[in-house]
Amino acid sequence: MKHQIEIFTAGCPVCNPVVQLVKDTACENCEITVYDLSVQCESKICVRKMKEYGVKRLPAIAVNGELIGCCKNIEITKEDLIKAGIGSS
């Protein structure tokens, strides 16, 4: 069975090693698509998929149409910022 792997990246020094790690780990049955959200794509499919999968941080990886566990439900919220002391004098 072929695995469809989609990597969402910002094309930065933090994301690039993750892209390489996926490529090094993938097998011949893996099809890899990299979406660099810093430049987006002409068709905007990268943005549509980012929203569809619920990508909240980068890099993020989806396998067969689903974000993998380490990429799910991690987002910065206003509450997190307030807890960290941001906005208080």
N, C-alpha and C. Protein backbone atom coordinates (compact mmCIF):
# COMPACT_ATOMS: atom_id res chain seq x y z
N MET A 1 0.84 -1.19 0.00
CA MET A 1 0.00 0.00 0.00
C MET A 1 0.88 1.24 0.00
N LYS A 2 0.56 2.16 -0.86
CA LYS A 2 1.31 3.41 -0.97
C LYS A 2 0.87 4.37 0.12
N HIS A 3 1.84 5.04 0.75
CA HIS A 3 1.55 6.04 1.77
C HIS A 3 1.70 7.43 1.17
N GLN A 4 0.67 8.25 1.33
CA GLN A 4 0.72 9.64 0.88
C GLN A 4 1.16 10.47 2.07
N ILE A 5 2.35 11.05 1.98
CA ILE A 5 2.90 11.87 3.05
C ILE A 5 2.92 13.32 2.58
N GLU A 6 2.33 14.20 3.41
CA GLU A 6 2.31 15.62 3.10
C GLU A 6 3.01 16.35 4.24
N ILE A 7 3.99 17.15 3.86
CA ILE A 7 4.76 17.90 4.85
C ILE A 7 4.45 19.38 4.66
N PHE A 8 4.04 20.03 5.74
CA PHE A 8 3.77 21.46 5.72
C PHE A 8 4.95 22.14 6.40
N THR A 9 5.55 23.10 5.71
CA THR A 9 6.78 23.71 6.17
C THR A 9 6.75 25.21 5.93
N ALA A 10 7.67 25.91 6.60
CA ALA A 10 7.86 27.33 6.35
C ALA A 10 9.16 27.56 5.60
N GLY A 11 9.80 26.47 5.17
CA GLY A 11 11.05 26.58 4.44
C GLY A 11 12.17 27.18 5.26
N CYS A 12 12.16 26.90 6.55
CA CYS A 12 13.13 27.53 7.47
C CYS A 12 14.11 26.50 8.03
N PRO A 13 15.14 26.96 8.76
CA PRO A 13 16.12 26.04 9.32
C PRO A 13 15.56 25.06 10.35
N VAL A 14 14.39 25.33 10.90
CA VAL A 14 13.76 24.38 11.82
C VAL A 14 13.01 23.31 11.03
N CYS A 15 12.37 23.71 9.95
CA CYS A 15 11.57 22.78 9.15
C CYS A 15 12.41 21.89 8.24
N ASN A 16 13.46 22.45 7.66
CA ASN A 16 14.24 21.70 6.66
C ASN A 16 14.78 20.37 7.17
N PRO A 17 15.32 20.27 8.40
CA PRO A 17 15.77 18.96 8.87
C PRO A 17 14.64 17.95 9.01
N VAL A 18 13.44 18.41 9.34
CA VAL A 18 12.30 17.51 9.45
C VAL A 18 11.93 16.98 8.07
N VAL A 19 11.95 17.83 7.07
CA VAL A 19 11.68 17.39 5.70
C VAL A 19 12.69 16.33 5.31
N GLN A 20 13.96 16.57 5.62
CA GLN A 20 15.00 15.61 5.27
C GLN A 20 14.83 14.30 6.03
N LEU A 21 14.44 14.39 7.31
CA LEU A 21 14.21 13.19 8.12
C LEU A 21 13.11 12.33 7.51
N VAL A 22 12.03 12.97 7.09
CA VAL A 22 10.93 12.23 6.46
C VAL A 22 11.43 11.56 5.18
N LYS A 23 12.15 12.31 4.37
CA LYS A 23 12.65 11.76 3.11
C LYS A 23 13.61 10.59 3.37
N ASP A 24 14.45 10.71 4.40
CA ASP A 24 15.40 9.64 4.72
C ASP A 24 14.69 8.40 5.28
N THR A 25 13.55 8.60 5.94
CA THR A 25 12.82 7.52 6.58
C THR A 25 11.85 6.83 5.63
N ALA A 26 11.38 7.57 4.64
CA ALA A 26 10.36 7.05 3.72
C ALA A 26 10.88 5.86 2.92
N CYS A 27 9.94 5.02 2.52
CA CYS A 27 10.29 3.86 1.70
C CYS A 27 9.81 4.09 0.27
N GLU A 28 10.04 3.11 -0.56
CA GLU A 28 9.66 3.24 -1.97
C GLU A 28 8.15 3.31 -2.17
N ASN A 29 7.37 2.92 -1.15
CA ASN A 29 5.92 2.99 -1.22
C ASN A 29 5.37 4.30 -0.66
N CYS A 30 6.25 5.24 -0.40
CA CYS A 30 5.83 6.54 0.15
C CYS A 30 5.91 7.61 -0.94
N GLU A 31 4.83 8.34 -1.07
CA GLU A 31 4.80 9.48 -1.98
C GLU A 31 4.79 10.75 -1.13
N ILE A 32 5.81 11.59 -1.29
CA ILE A 32 5.98 12.76 -0.43
C ILE A 32 5.66 14.03 -1.21
N THR A 33 4.82 14.87 -0.59
CA THR A 33 4.53 16.20 -1.12
C THR A 33 4.91 17.21 -0.04
N VAL A 34 5.70 18.21 -0.42
CA VAL A 34 6.10 19.25 0.52
C VAL A 34 5.38 20.54 0.15
N TYR A 35 4.67 21.11 1.13
CA TYR A 35 3.99 22.39 0.94
C TYR A 35 4.75 23.45 1.73
N ASP A 36 5.41 24.37 1.04
CA ASP A 36 6.11 25.47 1.70
C ASP A 36 5.12 26.62 1.83
N LEU A 37 4.59 26.80 3.00
CA LEU A 37 3.54 27.80 3.22
C LEU A 37 4.07 29.22 3.20
N SER A 38 5.39 29.39 3.26
CA SER A 38 5.93 30.75 3.19
C SER A 38 5.79 31.32 1.78
N VAL A 39 5.73 30.47 0.79
CA VAL A 39 5.53 30.93 -0.59
C VAL A 39 4.18 30.49 -1.14
N GLN A 40 3.52 29.61 -0.43
CA GLN A 40 2.24 29.04 -0.82
C GLN A 40 2.33 28.40 -2.20
N CYS A 41 1.24 28.02 -2.74
CA CYS A 41 1.23 27.39 -4.05
C CYS A 41 0.19 28.10 -4.90
N GLU A 42 0.39 28.09 -6.19
CA GLU A 42 -0.50 28.81 -7.09
C GLU A 42 -1.96 28.40 -6.93
N SER A 43 -2.20 27.10 -6.80
CA SER A 43 -3.57 26.61 -6.71
C SER A 43 -4.18 26.82 -5.33
N LYS A 44 -3.37 27.19 -4.35
CA LYS A 44 -3.79 27.37 -2.94
C LYS A 44 -4.23 26.06 -2.30
N ILE A 45 -3.94 24.92 -2.93
CA ILE A 45 -4.27 23.63 -2.32
C ILE A 45 -3.56 23.46 -0.99
N CYS A 46 -2.35 24.02 -0.88
CA CYS A 46 -1.60 23.89 0.36
C CYS A 46 -2.33 24.56 1.52
N VAL A 47 -2.91 25.72 1.27
CA VAL A 47 -3.65 26.44 2.31
C VAL A 47 -4.94 25.70 2.63
N ARG A 48 -5.61 25.20 1.62
CA ARG A 48 -6.85 24.45 1.84
C ARG A 48 -6.59 23.21 2.68
N LYS A 49 -5.53 22.47 2.34
CA LYS A 49 -5.21 21.26 3.09
C LYS A 49 -4.76 21.61 4.51
N MET A 50 -4.01 22.69 4.68
CA MET A 50 -3.59 23.11 6.00
C MET A 50 -4.81 23.34 6.91
N LYS A 51 -5.81 24.01 6.38
CA LYS A 51 -7.04 24.27 7.14
C LYS A 51 -7.82 22.99 7.36
N GLU A 52 -7.93 22.16 6.33
CA GLU A 52 -8.66 20.90 6.41
C GLU A 52 -8.08 19.99 7.49
N TYR A 53 -6.75 19.91 7.55
CA TYR A 53 -6.09 19.03 8.52
C TYR A 53 -5.98 19.67 9.90
N GLY A 54 -6.21 20.98 10.00
CA GLY A 54 -6.10 21.66 11.29
C GLY A 54 -4.67 21.93 11.70
N VAL A 55 -3.81 22.20 10.74
CA VAL A 55 -2.40 22.50 11.04
C VAL A 55 -2.34 23.80 11.84
N LYS A 56 -1.69 23.74 13.01
CA LYS A 56 -1.58 24.90 13.89
C LYS A 56 -0.14 25.32 14.11
N ARG A 57 0.81 24.49 13.68
CA ARG A 57 2.23 24.82 13.83
C ARG A 57 3.00 24.10 12.74
N LEU A 58 4.19 24.59 12.50
CA LEU A 58 5.04 24.02 11.46
C LEU A 58 6.38 23.61 12.06
N PRO A 59 7.01 22.59 11.54
CA PRO A 59 6.53 21.73 10.48
C PRO A 59 5.42 20.81 10.98
N ALA A 60 4.62 20.34 10.05
CA ALA A 60 3.56 19.39 10.36
C ALA A 60 3.55 18.33 9.25
N ILE A 61 3.16 17.12 9.64
CA ILE A 61 3.18 16.00 8.70
C ILE A 61 1.84 15.28 8.75
N ALA A 62 1.28 15.05 7.57
CA ALA A 62 0.06 14.26 7.44
C ALA A 62 0.40 12.99 6.66
N VAL A 63 -0.14 11.88 7.11
CA VAL A 63 0.04 10.60 6.42
C VAL A 63 -1.34 10.08 6.06
N ASN A 64 -1.52 9.82 4.79
CA ASN A 64 -2.79 9.33 4.27
C ASN A 64 -3.97 10.20 4.71
N GLY A 65 -3.77 11.52 4.65
CA GLY A 65 -4.85 12.46 4.91
C GLY A 65 -5.13 12.79 6.35
N GLU A 66 -4.23 12.42 7.27
CA GLU A 66 -4.44 12.71 8.69
C GLU A 66 -3.13 13.15 9.33
N LEU A 67 -3.22 14.24 10.12
CA LEU A 67 -2.03 14.69 10.84
C LEU A 67 -1.56 13.60 11.78
N ILE A 68 -0.26 13.41 11.86
CA ILE A 68 0.25 12.42 12.81
C ILE A 68 0.19 13.01 14.22
N GLY A 69 0.20 12.15 15.21
CA GLY A 69 -0.03 12.52 16.60
C GLY A 69 0.75 13.72 17.11
N CYS A 70 2.03 13.79 16.77
CA CYS A 70 2.86 14.87 17.29
C CYS A 70 2.50 16.23 16.69
N CYS A 71 1.66 16.26 15.69
CA CYS A 71 1.32 17.51 15.01
C CYS A 71 -0.10 17.98 15.29
N LYS A 72 -0.82 17.27 16.13
CA LYS A 72 -2.23 17.58 16.37
C LYS A 72 -2.42 18.54 17.54
N ASN A 73 -3.44 19.38 17.40
CA ASN A 73 -3.97 20.21 18.48
C ASN A 73 -2.93 20.96 19.29
N ILE A 74 -1.91 21.44 18.64
CA ILE A 74 -0.92 22.25 19.33
C ILE A 74 -1.01 23.65 18.73
N GLU A 75 -1.52 24.56 19.50
CA GLU A 75 -1.58 25.92 19.01
C GLU A 75 -1.34 26.88 20.16
N ILE A 76 -0.87 28.05 19.83
CA ILE A 76 -0.66 29.08 20.83
C ILE A 76 -1.99 29.81 21.01
N THR A 77 -2.41 29.90 22.26
CA THR A 77 -3.67 30.58 22.55
C THR A 77 -3.40 31.84 23.37
N LYS A 78 -4.35 32.70 23.40
CA LYS A 78 -4.24 33.92 24.21
C LYS A 78 -4.07 33.55 25.68
N GLU A 79 -4.79 32.51 26.10
CA GLU A 79 -4.69 32.08 27.49
C GLU A 79 -3.26 31.64 27.84
N ASP A 80 -2.61 30.94 26.92
CA ASP A 80 -1.22 30.53 27.13
C ASP A 80 -0.31 31.73 27.29
N LEU A 81 -0.54 32.75 26.46
CA LEU A 81 0.28 33.96 26.54
C LEU A 81 0.08 34.68 27.86
N ILE A 82 -1.16 34.78 28.29
CA ILE A 82 -1.46 35.45 29.57
C ILE A 82 -0.83 34.69 30.72
N LYS A 83 -0.93 33.34 30.71
CA LYS A 83 -0.31 32.51 31.75
C LYS A 83 1.19 32.72 31.80
N ALA A 84 1.79 33.01 30.67
CA ALA A 84 3.25 33.21 30.61
C ALA A 84 3.63 34.63 31.05
N GLY A 85 2.65 35.47 31.33
CA GLY A 85 2.92 36.81 31.81
C GLY A 85 2.87 37.89 30.73
N ILE A 86 2.56 37.51 29.52
CA ILE A 86 2.50 38.49 28.45
C ILE A 86 1.22 39.32 28.63
N GLY A 87 1.38 40.62 28.59
CA GLY A 87 0.23 41.53 28.72
C GLY A 87 0.04 42.03 30.15
N SER A 88 0.86 41.54 31.07
CA SER A 88 0.74 42.04 32.44
C SER A 88 1.93 42.94 32.74
N SER A 89 1.68 43.97 33.55
CA SER A 89 2.76 44.90 33.85
C SER A 89 3.63 44.42 34.96
